[in-house]
Amino acid sequence: MKIPATVITGFLGAGKTSLIRHLLETARGRRLALVINEFGELGIDREMITGCGIEGCAEGDIIELANGCICCTVAEDFLPTMEILIERPDPPDHIVIETSGLALPKPLVKAFNWPEIRSRVTVDGVVAVIDAPAVASGQFAADPQAVDSERRADTALDHDSPLEEVFTDQLRCADLVVLNKTDLVTPDDLASVLGEVAREIDPAVRVIPAVNGVVDALAVLGLEAAAEDGIEARPSHHDGEDHDHDDFESRVVTLGPVADPAALEERIRALAASHPILRVKGFVHVTGKEMRHVVQAVGSRVQRYYDRPWRDGEERQSNLVVIGLKGVDWSAVTSGLGA
């Protein structure tokens, strides 16, 4: 019997990690193995999951691939990782793969047709996590007519940007769409977002509204799509092309101890307003605090919280991964963050 694998894709900051954490909490005894990949030099998402304190979330169940999106490094990293998982004496009941927010899911799903793993693993489903307020604001909208009139009148917006292509390719490959952060949009905006999504997905694909990635595991795991069998029929902007990350750049910005995290939040908002920054995430050492402070930002929306105490012997550092479009003024970003 093949081991089912779920590919969780979604744009930067859509809430993929939140969904995975909730899957761990509601797995109902199933042993999940997580394969986590990020575009950046720090294992931020892995740290957020291993620091979550969820019962059964063992660090050995999490395998983090090397830097770069899975579909780019699949020949070097993905196949050996899958072989290690399926050859374990106690193989997992289900494999959950979180792709980078900039990854195209189709090349990854095609990799499941390789002889080494095809007979042992099947793609149970591709789940696309969508950031409802981001789409509502026109940031990743597939159809510029769906955004509000002010943004449609803004000639500075590039509605044919690579970001839109990533967004639509993730939707077109999906077997299930989780429309996340619906609590942050109005009913009218939600209806508009649903229309945007419906234009890109197959009519048979379900769309589930969610807040903070809270979707029961039974709704996500067990789709039985065998997506690898029909992957060529799923359209992509990049069919026949080699995918790379030439349109995006990332840097790790190291700060000293942060005395005022609220002031740091305001600096991040200001930078997002003046520079093409897509994502900021990391951990901060707040002066006088014994707990690690998490910072996550998508554009000008910033979230902050303390997740766990610093461990004995753990170096208390403030490191932020910043992801932006190619050509970002890194000198201005670094100084703007206070480094």
Protein backbone atom coordinates (compact mmCIF):
# COMPACT_ATOMS: atom_id res chain seq x y z
CA MET A 1 0.00 0.00 0.00
CA LYS A 2 1.38 3.40 -0.99
CA ILE A 3 2.14 6.04 1.62
CA PRO A 4 0.01 9.14 0.96
CA ALA A 5 1.80 12.48 0.68
CA THR A 6 0.16 15.90 0.88
CA VAL A 7 1.87 18.87 -0.77
CA ILE A 8 1.01 22.16 0.94
CA THR A 9 1.72 25.14 -1.23
CA GLY A 10 0.81 28.80 -0.94
CA PHE A 11 2.25 32.24 -1.30
CA LEU A 12 4.54 33.89 1.22
CA GLY A 13 2.85 34.33 4.58
CA ALA A 14 -0.42 32.69 3.57
CA GLY A 15 -0.41 30.50 6.68
CA LYS A 16 1.09 27.17 5.57
CA THR A 17 2.96 26.65 8.84
CA SER A 18 -0.17 27.47 10.88
CA LEU A 19 -2.10 24.86 8.90
CA ILE A 20 0.61 22.24 9.48
CA ARG A 21 0.67 22.93 13.20
CA HIS A 22 -3.08 22.40 13.31
CA LEU A 23 -2.77 19.17 11.30
CA LEU A 24 -0.35 17.89 13.93
CA GLU A 25 -2.86 18.71 16.65
CA THR A 26 -5.76 16.99 14.88
CA ALA A 27 -4.01 14.04 13.21
CA ARG A 28 -6.03 11.56 15.33
CA GLY A 29 -3.17 9.19 15.97
CA ARG A 30 -1.72 9.20 12.47
CA ARG A 31 2.07 9.50 12.39
CA LEU A 32 2.94 12.42 10.15
CA ALA A 33 6.38 13.07 8.69
CA LEU A 34 7.05 16.68 7.75
CA VAL A 35 9.32 17.82 4.93
CA ILE A 36 9.81 21.55 5.30
CA ASN A 37 11.51 23.84 2.82
CA GLU A 38 12.03 27.59 2.86
CA PHE A 39 13.50 30.26 0.61
CA GLY A 40 16.08 31.80 2.92
CA GLU A 41 19.14 30.89 4.91
CA LEU A 42 17.54 30.18 8.30
CA GLY A 43 15.29 27.27 9.17
CA ILE A 44 12.57 29.57 10.48
CA ASP A 45 9.53 27.38 9.78
CA ARG A 46 11.18 24.27 11.19
CA GLU A 47 12.02 26.19 14.37
CA MET A 48 8.46 27.45 14.68
CA ILE A 49 7.11 23.92 14.50
CA THR A 50 9.68 22.25 16.76
CA GLY A 51 9.16 25.03 19.31
CA CYS A 52 5.40 24.65 19.30
CA GLY A 53 5.15 22.19 22.19
CA ILE A 54 2.57 20.03 20.42
CA GLU A 55 2.43 16.52 21.84
CA GLY A 56 3.90 14.04 19.37
CA CYS A 57 5.73 16.72 17.40
CA ALA A 58 9.15 15.06 17.63
CA GLU A 59 12.13 16.85 16.12
CA GLY A 60 13.18 13.64 14.38
CA ASP A 61 9.95 13.68 12.39
CA ILE A 62 10.96 16.88 10.63
CA ILE A 63 13.37 16.83 7.71
CA GLU A 64 14.45 20.14 6.30
CA LEU A 65 15.82 20.31 2.78
CA ALA A 66 18.72 22.51 1.78
CA ASN A 67 18.27 26.16 0.78
CA GLY A 68 16.29 26.71 -2.40
CA CYS A 69 12.85 25.62 -3.54
CA ILE A 70 12.12 21.90 -3.65
CA CYS A 71 11.47 21.83 -7.38
CA CYS A 72 14.88 23.37 -8.07
CA THR A 73 16.87 21.03 -5.83
CA VAL A 74 14.71 17.96 -6.29
CA ALA A 75 17.43 15.87 -7.98
CA GLU A 76 19.89 16.46 -5.15
CA ASP A 77 17.67 16.57 -2.07
CA PHE A 78 14.07 15.56 -2.54
CA LEU A 79 14.54 12.01 -3.79
CA PRO A 80 17.04 10.99 -1.05
CA THR A 81 14.76 12.55 1.56
CA MET A 82 11.75 10.56 0.38
CA GLU A 83 13.80 7.35 0.21
CA ILE A 84 14.97 7.86 3.80
CA LEU A 85 11.37 8.29 4.96
CA ILE A 86 9.90 5.28 3.18
CA GLU A 87 12.82 2.98 4.06
CA ARG A 88 12.54 3.63 7.80
CA PRO A 89 11.67 0.61 9.94
CA ASP A 90 8.62 2.58 11.08
CA PRO A 91 7.58 4.53 7.98
CA PRO A 92 5.10 7.37 8.51
CA ASP A 93 1.38 7.01 7.93
CA HIS A 94 1.33 10.23 5.95
CA ILE A 95 3.97 12.62 4.58
CA VAL A 96 3.29 16.36 4.60
CA ILE A 97 5.48 18.52 2.39
CA GLU A 98 5.51 22.28 2.87
CA THR A 99 6.96 24.01 -0.19
CA SER A 100 8.61 27.37 -0.22
CA GLY A 101 6.20 30.26 -0.72
CA LEU A 102 7.93 30.92 -4.03
CA ALA A 103 7.86 27.33 -5.29
CA LEU A 104 5.84 26.03 -8.21
CA PRO A 105 4.11 22.80 -7.14
CA LYS A 106 3.85 21.11 -10.54
CA PRO A 107 7.54 20.09 -10.90
CA LEU A 108 7.46 18.64 -7.38
CA VAL A 109 4.35 16.56 -8.08
CA LYS A 110 5.93 15.30 -11.32
CA ALA A 111 8.87 14.03 -9.27
CA PHE A 112 6.56 11.49 -7.64
CA ASN A 113 6.54 9.62 -10.96
CA TRP A 114 10.19 8.70 -10.54
CA PRO A 115 10.55 4.90 -10.36
CA GLU A 116 12.39 5.09 -7.03
CA ILE A 117 9.31 6.36 -5.21
CA ARG A 118 6.31 5.89 -7.53
CA SER A 119 5.62 2.38 -6.30
CA ARG A 120 5.81 3.43 -2.65
CA VAL A 121 4.28 6.93 -2.38
CA THR A 122 1.32 8.73 -3.95
CA VAL A 123 0.34 12.40 -3.89
CA ASP A 124 -2.84 12.29 -1.83
CA GLY A 125 -3.47 15.91 -2.74
CA VAL A 126 -2.06 19.36 -3.39
CA VAL A 127 -3.39 21.92 -0.91
CA ALA A 128 -3.07 25.61 -1.80
CA VAL A 129 -3.24 28.01 1.15
CA ILE A 130 -4.46 31.46 0.11
CA ASP A 131 -4.05 34.74 2.00
CA ALA A 132 -7.55 36.23 1.73
CA PRO A 133 -6.68 39.85 2.67
CA ALA A 134 -3.68 39.84 0.31
CA VAL A 135 -5.83 38.79 -2.62
CA ALA A 136 -8.57 41.23 -1.60
CA SER A 137 -6.07 44.09 -1.67
CA GLY A 138 -4.97 43.15 -5.17
CA GLN A 139 -1.46 42.06 -4.24
CA PHE A 140 -1.73 38.60 -5.80
CA ALA A 141 -4.93 38.93 -7.79
CA ALA A 142 -5.08 37.05 -11.08
CA ASP A 143 -7.57 39.52 -12.58
CA PRO A 144 -6.88 43.23 -12.06
CA GLN A 145 -10.62 43.92 -12.59
CA ALA A 146 -11.36 42.24 -9.28
CA VAL A 147 -9.37 44.67 -7.16
CA ASP A 148 -10.78 47.93 -5.82
CA SER A 149 -11.00 50.96 -8.11
CA GLU A 150 -8.15 52.85 -6.47
CA ARG A 151 -5.67 50.04 -7.04
CA ARG A 152 -6.93 49.48 -10.60
CA ALA A 153 -6.20 53.15 -11.30
CA ASP A 154 -2.65 52.86 -9.96
CA THR A 155 -0.41 52.69 -13.05
CA ALA A 156 2.57 51.79 -10.87
CA LEU A 157 1.18 48.31 -10.22
CA ASP A 158 2.52 45.46 -12.32
CA HIS A 159 -0.44 43.11 -12.72
CA ASP A 160 1.60 40.69 -14.83
CA SER A 161 4.35 40.28 -12.27
CA PRO A 162 6.06 36.96 -11.51
CA LEU A 163 4.19 37.01 -8.19
CA GLU A 164 0.88 36.65 -10.00
CA GLU A 165 2.23 33.72 -12.01
CA VAL A 166 3.37 31.92 -8.85
CA PHE A 167 -0.01 32.56 -7.23
CA THR A 168 -2.06 31.29 -10.18
CA ASP A 169 0.19 28.26 -10.78
CA GLN A 170 -0.27 27.21 -7.16
CA LEU A 171 -4.04 27.47 -7.52
CA ARG A 172 -4.16 25.62 -10.84
CA CYS A 173 -2.31 22.67 -9.35
CA ALA A 174 -4.54 22.41 -6.27
CA ASP A 175 -6.89 19.62 -5.24
CA LEU A 176 -8.06 21.67 -2.25
CA VAL A 177 -7.89 25.40 -1.49
CA VAL A 178 -7.71 26.69 2.08
CA LEU A 179 -8.80 30.32 2.03
CA ASN A 180 -7.04 31.57 5.15
CA LYS A 181 -7.40 34.74 7.27
CA THR A 182 -11.04 35.19 6.31
CA ASP A 183 -11.57 37.07 9.58
CA LEU A 184 -9.51 39.93 8.16
CA VAL A 185 -11.76 40.70 5.18
CA THR A 186 -15.27 42.07 4.78
CA PRO A 187 -18.07 39.87 3.38
CA ASP A 188 -17.92 41.79 0.08
CA ASP A 189 -14.15 41.33 -0.16
CA LEU A 190 -14.52 37.65 0.68
CA ALA A 191 -16.99 37.23 -2.17
CA SER A 192 -14.55 38.97 -4.52
CA VAL A 193 -11.69 36.72 -3.41
CA LEU A 194 -13.81 33.62 -3.91
CA GLY A 195 -14.49 34.83 -7.43
CA GLU A 196 -10.77 35.30 -8.08
CA VAL A 197 -10.01 31.80 -6.85
CA ALA A 198 -12.89 30.22 -8.78
CA ARG A 199 -11.54 31.61 -12.06
CA GLU A 200 -8.27 29.71 -11.59
CA ILE A 201 -9.31 26.34 -10.15
CA ASP A 202 -11.13 23.32 -11.50
CA PRO A 203 -14.85 23.42 -10.59
CA ALA A 204 -14.43 20.17 -8.64
CA VAL A 205 -11.83 21.66 -6.28
CA ARG A 206 -13.23 22.51 -2.84
CA VAL A 207 -12.53 25.86 -1.17
CA ILE A 208 -12.51 25.85 2.64
CA PRO A 209 -12.56 29.19 4.56
CA ALA A 210 -10.23 29.25 7.56
CA VAL A 211 -8.87 31.45 10.33
CA ASN A 212 -5.30 30.90 11.57
CA GLY A 213 -5.02 27.75 9.45
CA VAL A 214 -7.60 25.89 11.53
CA VAL A 215 -8.85 23.13 9.25
CA ASP A 216 -9.53 19.63 10.54
CA ALA A 217 -7.05 17.02 9.37
CA LEU A 218 -9.88 14.89 7.99
CA ALA A 219 -10.65 17.63 5.48
CA VAL A 220 -7.04 17.91 4.28
CA LEU A 221 -5.55 14.42 4.57
CA GLY A 222 -7.26 11.66 2.64
CA LEU A 223 -8.19 13.38 -0.64
CA GLU A 224 -6.95 10.33 -2.61
CA ALA A 225 -6.25 12.48 -5.65
CA ALA A 226 -3.20 10.55 -6.95
CA ALA A 227 -2.17 13.92 -8.37
CA GLU A 228 0.98 12.55 -10.00
CA ASP A 229 -1.12 10.54 -12.48
CA GLY A 230 -2.79 13.57 -14.06
CA ILE A 231 -0.21 16.27 -13.41
CA GLU A 232 0.41 17.03 -17.10
CA ALA A 233 -3.21 18.12 -17.45
CA ARG A 234 -2.79 20.85 -14.83
CA PRO A 235 -1.89 24.11 -16.61
CA SER A 236 1.08 26.24 -15.59
CA HIS A 237 2.63 29.50 -16.75
CA HIS A 238 5.98 27.74 -16.67
CA ASP A 239 5.30 24.57 -18.65
CA GLY A 240 8.42 23.73 -20.63
CA GLU A 241 10.56 26.16 -18.65
CA ASP A 242 13.20 25.70 -16.01
CA HIS A 243 11.99 27.37 -12.85
CA ASP A 244 14.36 29.46 -10.80
CA HIS A 245 14.23 32.25 -8.26
CA ASP A 246 15.89 34.94 -10.35
CA ASP A 247 13.01 37.33 -9.62
CA PHE A 248 13.48 37.10 -5.86
CA GLU A 249 16.27 37.70 -3.37
CA SER A 250 16.66 36.96 0.31
CA ARG A 251 19.02 38.06 3.05
CA VAL A 252 19.43 37.31 6.71
CA VAL A 253 19.67 40.52 8.73
CA THR A 254 21.26 40.13 12.15
CA LEU A 255 20.30 42.65 14.81
CA GLY A 256 21.54 43.16 18.32
CA PRO A 257 19.21 42.83 21.31
CA VAL A 258 15.94 44.66 20.60
CA ALA A 259 14.80 46.98 23.38
CA ASP A 260 11.46 47.92 21.80
CA PRO A 261 9.85 45.27 19.55
CA ALA A 262 6.95 47.63 18.78
CA ALA A 263 9.42 50.11 17.29
CA LEU A 264 10.91 47.30 15.21
CA GLU A 265 7.43 46.52 13.95
CA GLU A 266 6.99 50.11 12.82
CA ARG A 267 10.35 50.02 11.03
CA ILE A 268 9.26 46.89 9.16
CA ARG A 269 6.00 48.59 8.14
CA ALA A 270 7.89 51.63 6.88
CA LEU A 271 10.31 49.50 4.86
CA ALA A 272 7.46 47.50 3.31
CA ALA A 273 5.86 50.77 2.19
CA SER A 274 9.01 52.09 0.53
CA HIS A 275 10.79 48.94 -0.76
CA PRO A 276 9.67 45.81 -2.71
CA ILE A 277 9.76 43.58 0.38
CA LEU A 278 7.49 40.54 0.31
CA ARG A 279 8.21 38.80 3.60
CA VAL A 280 10.06 39.30 6.88
CA LYS A 281 10.26 36.55 9.48
CA GLY A 282 12.55 35.48 12.24
CA PHE A 283 13.33 35.47 15.94
CA VAL A 284 14.29 38.41 18.13
CA HIS A 285 16.04 38.66 21.46
CA VAL A 286 14.13 41.29 23.43
CA THR A 287 16.17 42.97 26.13
CA GLY A 288 15.22 41.75 29.59
CA LYS A 289 12.91 38.98 28.32
CA GLU A 290 13.57 35.28 28.89
CA MET A 291 11.41 34.20 25.97
CA ARG A 292 12.14 34.18 22.24
CA HIS A 293 10.12 36.72 20.25
CA VAL A 294 8.74 35.70 16.83
CA VAL A 295 8.32 38.32 14.12
CA GLN A 296 6.37 37.60 10.92
CA ALA A 297 5.41 40.15 8.30
CA VAL A 298 3.67 40.01 4.94
CA GLY A 299 3.95 43.43 3.38
CA SER A 300 2.83 45.93 6.02
CA ARG A 301 0.96 43.33 8.11
CA VAL A 302 3.15 42.35 11.07
CA GLN A 303 2.56 39.70 13.72
CA ARG A 304 4.63 39.37 16.90
CA TYR A 305 4.49 36.95 19.82
CA TYR A 306 6.66 35.11 22.35
CA ASP A 307 6.79 31.41 21.50
CA ARG A 308 9.08 29.73 24.06
CA PRO A 309 11.83 30.40 26.63
CA TRP A 310 15.40 30.59 25.40
CA ARG A 311 17.08 27.23 26.03
CA ASP A 312 20.10 26.81 28.30
CA GLY A 313 23.20 27.40 26.22
CA GLU A 314 21.21 28.74 23.25
CA GLU A 315 22.69 31.90 21.75
CA ARG A 316 20.20 34.72 22.08
CA GLN A 317 20.30 36.33 18.66
CA SER A 318 18.00 38.52 16.61
CA ASN A 319 17.90 37.20 13.04
CA LEU A 320 15.35 38.16 10.39
CA VAL A 321 15.00 36.61 6.94
CA VAL A 322 13.94 39.29 4.46
CA ILE A 323 12.58 38.22 1.04
CA GLY A 324 12.09 40.80 -1.68
CA LEU A 325 11.96 41.30 -5.41
CA LYS A 326 15.23 41.42 -7.30
CA GLY A 327 16.87 44.81 -7.01
CA VAL A 328 16.00 45.50 -3.39
CA ASP A 329 18.27 48.14 -1.84
CA TRP A 330 19.71 45.87 0.81
CA SER A 331 21.78 48.62 2.35
CA ALA A 332 18.64 50.68 2.98
CA VAL A 333 16.73 47.63 4.26
CA THR A 334 19.51 46.63 6.65
CA SER A 335 19.91 50.11 8.07
CA GLY A 336 16.13 50.58 8.18
CA LEU A 337 15.81 47.51 10.40
CA GLY A 338 18.37 48.96 12.75
CA ALA A 339 21.24 46.59 11.97
